Amino acid sequence: MHPANSIIVFTTLSGLGYGLAVVLGLGFLDPSLESTKLAYLTSLVLISSGLAASLLHLGNAQRAWRALSQWRSSWLSREGVMAIATFVPLTLSATLAIFADRHDVILGFITVFGAVVTVYCTSMIYASLKTVDSWHTKLTPLCFLLFSLAGGFLFASAFLGGNGLVAELLALLFVLLALIAKLVWRKRATTLLPISTPETATGLGFIGKVRLFERPHALDNYLTREMGFRVARKHAAKLLMIAFVFGVVLPILALLLALAIGGGLAAQIALVLGVVAYTLGIFVERWLFFAEAKHAVMNYY
């Protein structure tokens, strides 16, 4: 599949923003601290930037509102509805923290619920597609949720300045869980047998092996551009290693260093660098998520 930059930015930034919203909603950060106020603003900026980037992928952004009307049948529509709905309690919580130094428990739990459901809806946009075998699994929403929560606790640890032992331990836990889930996801994706093959697509499998005699179109078209993207195996291997180093190794090292130092400026700098590395790693991971996906329509090309 063609890895559209707007969708990569959308899924990455909004996922990190909602992950941080979960941590804030659970009350891990003291609302009287300036760093907590900045954390609320960061969450809102990440979510807003991600949603704004998603509009760039639409053919006509002026009609984006119509996508919200199909929530009964479309995961994309449900994601849009939940994103807007979650923005309300998150904004109210941010207002209370910034102007009243207060955390409302009820608003916090509503925010947590909305953030988790929104990320789940985002993941189901892809997991519900039976035409892409690697995406069509319960492991896809699991990976999205774990990556989001790991990023949220990493951001929270950085805002706590190395003085949040519980947040750092939970960040370490979720990074490891996300790694395990992604490894299982990749093993399945690289070893599964495709449900749709040239034999099943043409209905000629009873005769024997089917091969393409001639392309349906002489020139490239929308399907070949969007569904026929291919990444070289050697490039995919390099990018996978980059995603692993930046998304797993460096954040874990940053967390362990912060735990060893026990707080202070040095610990905060390490955690900030860990957040930056994790964000870059997720960008690369998400690019591979789309680039390595194979759509069933390419059986005809």
Protein backbone atom coordinates (compact mmCIF):
# COMPACT_ATOMS: atom_id res chain seq x y z
CA MET A 1 0.00 0.00 0.00
CA HIS A 2 1.12 3.56 -0.68
CA PRO A 3 2.36 5.11 2.61
CA ALA A 4 0.64 8.51 2.52
CA ASN A 5 2.52 11.03 4.64
CA SER A 6 -0.68 12.63 5.92
CA ILE A 7 -2.01 9.33 7.30
CA ILE A 8 1.35 8.46 8.86
CA VAL A 9 1.43 11.84 10.62
CA PHE A 10 -2.21 11.45 11.65
CA THR A 11 -1.92 7.98 13.19
CA THR A 12 1.40 8.76 14.88
CA LEU A 13 0.70 12.17 16.41
CA SER A 14 -2.91 11.51 17.37
CA GLY A 15 -1.91 8.19 18.93
CA LEU A 16 0.75 9.87 21.06
CA GLY A 17 -1.65 12.68 21.97
CA TYR A 18 -4.39 10.31 23.08
CA GLY A 19 -1.87 8.21 24.99
CA LEU A 20 -0.80 11.30 26.93
CA ALA A 21 -4.48 12.19 27.42
CA VAL A 22 -5.00 8.80 29.09
CA VAL A 23 -2.17 9.44 31.56
CA LEU A 24 -3.49 12.93 32.31
CA GLY A 25 -7.02 11.62 32.73
CA LEU A 26 -5.80 9.07 35.28
CA GLY A 27 -4.32 11.89 37.34
CA PHE A 28 -0.65 10.88 37.24
CA LEU A 29 0.45 14.53 36.96
CA ASP A 30 -0.11 17.24 39.58
CA PRO A 31 -2.42 19.87 37.99
CA SER A 32 -0.80 22.67 40.02
CA LEU A 33 2.55 22.22 38.28
CA GLU A 34 3.49 24.21 35.19
CA SER A 35 4.76 21.04 33.53
CA THR A 36 1.29 19.48 33.83
CA LYS A 37 -0.31 22.49 32.17
CA LEU A 38 2.25 22.15 29.38
CA ALA A 39 1.43 18.42 29.14
CA TYR A 40 -2.25 19.21 28.57
CA LEU A 41 -1.36 21.69 25.84
CA THR A 42 1.01 19.16 24.27
CA SER A 43 -1.72 16.52 24.18
CA LEU A 44 -4.16 18.93 22.55
CA VAL A 45 -1.56 20.06 20.00
CA LEU A 46 -0.58 16.48 19.10
CA ILE A 47 -4.22 15.44 18.62
CA SER A 48 -5.12 18.58 16.69
CA SER A 49 -2.07 18.27 14.43
CA GLY A 50 -2.87 14.63 13.72
CA LEU A 51 -6.49 15.32 12.88
CA ALA A 52 -5.52 18.28 10.70
CA ALA A 53 -3.06 16.08 8.81
CA SER A 54 -5.81 13.51 8.19
CA LEU A 55 -7.84 16.14 6.33
CA LEU A 56 -5.03 16.46 3.78
CA HIS A 57 -5.74 12.90 2.67
CA LEU A 58 -9.32 13.75 1.69
CA GLY A 59 -10.17 14.52 -1.91
CA ASN A 60 -12.39 17.41 -0.83
CA ALA A 61 -11.68 18.54 2.73
CA GLN A 62 -14.74 20.82 2.70
CA ARG A 63 -16.95 17.75 2.79
CA ALA A 64 -15.14 16.09 5.68
CA TRP A 65 -18.15 16.67 7.92
CA ARG A 66 -20.15 14.20 5.84
CA ALA A 67 -17.89 11.37 6.98
CA LEU A 68 -19.28 11.78 10.50
CA SER A 69 -22.78 10.73 9.38
CA GLN A 70 -21.80 7.11 8.65
CA TRP A 71 -20.91 6.11 12.21
CA ARG A 72 -23.29 3.13 12.14
CA SER A 73 -21.23 1.30 9.53
CA SER A 74 -17.86 3.06 9.11
CA TRP A 75 -14.93 2.86 11.49
CA LEU A 76 -13.57 6.03 9.89
CA SER A 77 -16.76 7.85 10.80
CA ARG A 78 -16.72 6.42 14.33
CA GLU A 79 -13.14 7.57 14.76
CA GLY A 80 -14.11 11.10 13.70
CA VAL A 81 -17.09 11.20 16.05
CA MET A 82 -15.07 9.88 18.99
CA ALA A 83 -12.17 12.26 18.28
CA ILE A 84 -14.50 15.26 18.50
CA ALA A 85 -16.33 13.85 21.52
CA THR A 86 -13.07 13.20 23.39
CA PHE A 87 -11.81 16.69 22.65
CA VAL A 88 -14.54 18.18 24.86
CA PRO A 89 -13.66 16.55 28.24
CA LEU A 90 -9.94 16.83 27.47
CA THR A 91 -10.26 20.56 26.81
CA LEU A 92 -12.35 21.04 29.95
CA SER A 93 -9.77 19.12 32.00
CA ALA A 94 -7.00 21.24 30.50
CA THR A 95 -8.93 24.41 31.39
CA LEU A 96 -9.37 23.28 35.00
CA ALA A 97 -5.69 22.40 35.31
CA ILE A 98 -4.42 25.61 33.72
CA PHE A 99 -6.73 28.12 35.42
CA ALA A 100 -7.84 26.36 38.62
CA ASP A 101 -4.96 23.94 39.37
CA ARG A 102 -7.53 21.18 39.69
CA HIS A 103 -8.07 17.69 38.30
CA ASP A 104 -11.66 16.49 37.95
CA VAL A 105 -11.87 12.70 38.36
CA ILE A 106 -15.10 12.28 36.37
CA LEU A 107 -13.84 14.35 33.45
CA GLY A 108 -10.59 12.42 33.66
CA PHE A 109 -12.22 9.02 33.35
CA ILE A 110 -14.42 10.24 30.48
CA THR A 111 -11.25 11.44 28.74
CA VAL A 112 -9.53 8.10 29.31
CA PHE A 113 -12.49 6.18 27.92
CA GLY A 114 -12.82 8.46 24.90
CA ALA A 115 -9.08 8.39 24.13
CA VAL A 116 -8.87 4.59 24.26
CA VAL A 117 -11.99 4.16 22.11
CA THR A 118 -10.73 6.72 19.59
CA VAL A 119 -7.40 4.95 19.14
CA TYR A 120 -9.27 1.64 18.85
CA CYS A 121 -11.54 3.09 16.14
CA THR A 122 -8.49 4.40 14.27
CA SER A 123 -6.89 0.96 14.31
CA MET A 124 -10.11 -0.72 13.18
CA ILE A 125 -10.12 1.38 10.01
CA TYR A 126 -7.29 -0.90 8.93
CA ALA A 127 -7.98 -4.07 10.93
CA SER A 128 -11.48 -4.33 9.41
CA LEU A 129 -10.13 -4.55 5.84
CA LYS A 130 -10.32 -8.19 4.77
CA THR A 131 -8.57 -7.26 1.51
CA VAL A 132 -5.29 -6.63 3.40
CA ASP A 133 -4.36 -9.88 5.12
CA SER A 134 -1.62 -8.45 7.34
CA TRP A 135 -3.95 -5.82 8.81
CA HIS A 136 -7.00 -8.03 9.29
CA THR A 137 -6.22 -9.30 12.78
CA LYS A 138 -6.99 -8.42 16.41
CA LEU A 139 -3.27 -7.79 16.84
CA THR A 140 -3.56 -4.55 14.84
CA PRO A 141 -5.71 -2.66 17.40
CA LEU A 142 -3.62 -4.19 20.19
CA CYS A 143 -0.44 -2.74 18.66
CA PHE A 144 -2.05 0.67 18.11
CA LEU A 145 -3.24 0.83 21.72
CA LEU A 146 0.05 -0.33 23.23
CA PHE A 147 2.10 2.10 21.10
CA SER A 148 -0.23 4.91 22.15
CA LEU A 149 -0.03 4.09 25.87
CA ALA A 150 3.75 3.61 25.74
CA GLY A 151 4.12 7.03 24.14
CA GLY A 152 1.74 8.59 26.64
CA PHE A 153 3.66 7.34 29.65
CA LEU A 154 6.97 8.30 28.04
CA PHE A 155 5.73 11.86 27.53
CA ALA A 156 4.37 11.92 31.08
CA SER A 157 7.73 10.74 32.47
CA ALA A 158 9.47 13.57 30.65
CA PHE A 159 7.01 16.14 32.01
CA LEU A 160 7.50 14.75 35.51
CA GLY A 161 11.19 15.53 35.15
CA GLY A 162 12.42 12.12 36.20
CA ASN A 163 10.47 12.27 39.46
CA GLY A 164 7.67 9.93 38.42
CA LEU A 165 8.79 6.42 39.31
CA VAL A 166 5.41 4.81 38.61
CA ALA A 167 5.06 6.56 35.24
CA GLU A 168 8.56 5.51 34.22
CA LEU A 169 7.98 1.89 35.19
CA LEU A 170 4.66 1.83 33.33
CA ALA A 171 6.33 3.42 30.29
CA LEU A 172 8.98 0.69 30.39
CA LEU A 173 6.27 -1.97 30.70
CA PHE A 174 4.18 -0.66 27.80
CA VAL A 175 7.21 -0.27 25.51
CA LEU A 176 8.11 -3.92 26.13
CA LEU A 177 4.49 -5.05 25.67
CA ALA A 178 4.27 -3.06 22.43
CA LEU A 179 7.49 -4.69 21.22
CA ILE A 180 6.15 -8.19 21.95
CA ALA A 181 2.80 -7.45 20.28
CA LYS A 182 4.52 -6.03 17.20
CA LEU A 183 6.89 -8.99 16.91
CA VAL A 184 3.93 -11.37 17.01
CA TRP A 185 2.13 -9.17 14.46
CA ARG A 186 5.13 -9.18 12.11
CA LYS A 187 5.66 -12.93 12.41
CA ARG A 188 2.03 -13.48 11.43
CA ALA A 189 2.27 -10.96 8.58
CA THR A 190 5.41 -12.55 7.11
CA THR A 191 4.30 -16.18 7.39
CA LEU A 192 0.57 -16.15 6.68
CA LEU A 193 -0.77 -17.61 3.47
CA PRO A 194 -2.87 -15.06 1.53
CA ILE A 195 -6.59 -15.79 1.48
CA SER A 196 -6.98 -14.17 -1.93
CA THR A 197 -4.70 -15.48 -4.69
CA PRO A 198 -4.72 -15.22 -8.49
CA GLU A 199 -6.39 -18.64 -8.47
CA THR A 200 -9.23 -17.62 -6.15
CA ALA A 201 -9.55 -14.15 -7.70
CA THR A 202 -10.10 -15.56 -11.20
CA GLY A 203 -11.87 -18.75 -10.19
CA LEU A 204 -9.47 -20.73 -12.39
CA GLY A 205 -7.57 -22.50 -9.64
CA PHE A 206 -9.15 -25.84 -10.55
CA ILE A 207 -7.19 -25.75 -13.81
CA GLY A 208 -3.82 -25.13 -12.20
CA LYS A 209 -1.44 -22.31 -11.38
CA VAL A 210 -2.64 -18.93 -12.67
CA ARG A 211 -0.18 -16.33 -13.92
CA LEU A 212 -0.68 -12.85 -15.31
CA PHE A 213 -0.57 -12.82 -19.12
CA GLU A 214 -1.11 -9.09 -19.60
CA ARG A 215 -1.78 -6.12 -17.35
CA PRO A 216 -5.37 -4.80 -17.29
CA HIS A 217 -4.05 -1.30 -18.04
CA ALA A 218 -1.08 -0.21 -20.12
CA LEU A 219 -0.47 2.86 -17.95
CA ASP A 220 -0.42 3.43 -14.21
CA ASN A 221 -3.72 4.30 -12.57
CA TYR A 222 -5.09 4.93 -9.09
CA LEU A 223 -5.00 1.26 -8.11
CA THR A 224 -1.40 0.72 -9.17
CA ARG A 225 -0.29 3.92 -7.42
CA GLU A 226 -2.19 3.42 -4.14
CA MET A 227 -2.39 -0.37 -3.84
CA GLY A 228 0.68 -1.47 -5.78
CA PHE A 229 3.41 0.21 -3.73
CA ARG A 230 6.40 -2.05 -3.13
CA VAL A 231 9.34 -1.56 -0.82
CA ALA A 232 12.56 -3.48 -1.45
CA ARG A 233 13.25 -6.18 1.12
CA LYS A 234 16.71 -4.79 1.94
CA HIS A 235 15.26 -1.32 2.52
CA ALA A 236 12.48 -2.75 4.68
CA ALA A 237 15.07 -4.57 6.80
CA LYS A 238 17.05 -1.36 7.35
CA LEU A 239 13.93 0.62 8.23
CA LEU A 240 12.81 -2.12 10.60
CA MET A 241 16.13 -1.91 12.41
CA ILE A 242 15.83 1.89 12.61
CA ALA A 243 12.32 1.55 14.05
CA PHE A 244 13.59 -0.97 16.60
CA VAL A 245 16.54 1.15 17.71
CA PHE A 246 14.65 4.44 17.94
CA GLY A 247 11.30 3.06 19.06
CA VAL A 248 12.49 0.48 21.59
CA VAL A 249 16.21 0.48 22.44
CA LEU A 250 16.77 4.22 22.94
CA PRO A 251 13.55 4.84 24.93
CA ILE A 252 14.32 1.87 27.21
CA LEU A 253 17.87 3.12 27.75
CA ALA A 254 16.51 6.59 28.53
CA LEU A 255 14.05 5.17 31.06
CA LEU A 256 16.68 2.97 32.71
CA LEU A 257 19.08 5.91 32.91
CA ALA A 258 16.40 8.12 34.47
CA LEU A 259 15.56 5.40 36.99
CA ALA A 260 19.23 5.02 37.86
CA ILE A 261 19.77 8.78 38.27
CA GLY A 262 16.58 9.16 40.29
CA GLY A 263 15.54 12.64 39.13
CA GLY A 264 17.01 16.00 38.29
CA LEU A 265 17.94 17.76 35.07
CA ALA A 266 20.04 14.90 33.70
CA ALA A 267 17.15 12.46 34.08
CA GLN A 268 14.74 14.86 32.41
CA ILE A 269 17.09 15.41 29.47
CA ALA A 270 17.42 11.64 29.04
CA LEU A 271 13.65 11.23 29.08
CA VAL A 272 13.11 14.04 26.57
CA LEU A 273 15.62 12.41 24.24
CA GLY A 274 13.79 9.12 24.78
CA VAL A 275 10.50 10.76 23.75
CA VAL A 276 12.07 12.21 20.60
CA ALA A 277 13.60 8.84 19.69
CA TYR A 278 10.32 7.01 20.34
CA THR A 279 8.38 9.44 18.15
CA LEU A 280 10.84 8.97 15.28
CA GLY A 281 10.69 5.19 15.74
CA ILE A 282 6.89 5.19 15.56
CA PHE A 283 6.98 7.28 12.38
CA VAL A 284 9.21 4.67 10.72
CA GLU A 285 7.13 1.77 12.09
CA ARG A 286 3.94 3.34 10.78
CA TRP A 287 5.53 3.91 7.35
CA LEU A 288 6.41 0.22 7.17
CA PHE A 289 2.90 -0.68 8.37
CA PHE A 290 1.50 0.81 5.17
CA ALA A 291 4.39 0.18 2.76
CA GLU A 292 4.58 -3.57 3.43
CA ALA A 293 0.83 -4.17 3.26
CA LYS A 294 -0.40 -6.09 0.21
CA HIS A 295 -3.89 -5.43 -1.13
CA ALA A 296 -5.84 -8.28 -2.75
CA VAL A 297 -6.61 -6.16 -5.82
CA MET A 298 -3.01 -6.55 -6.93
CA ASN A 299 -3.83 -10.15 -7.90
CA TYR A 300 -5.02 -8.61 -11.15
CA TYR A 301 -1.83 -6.59 -11.79
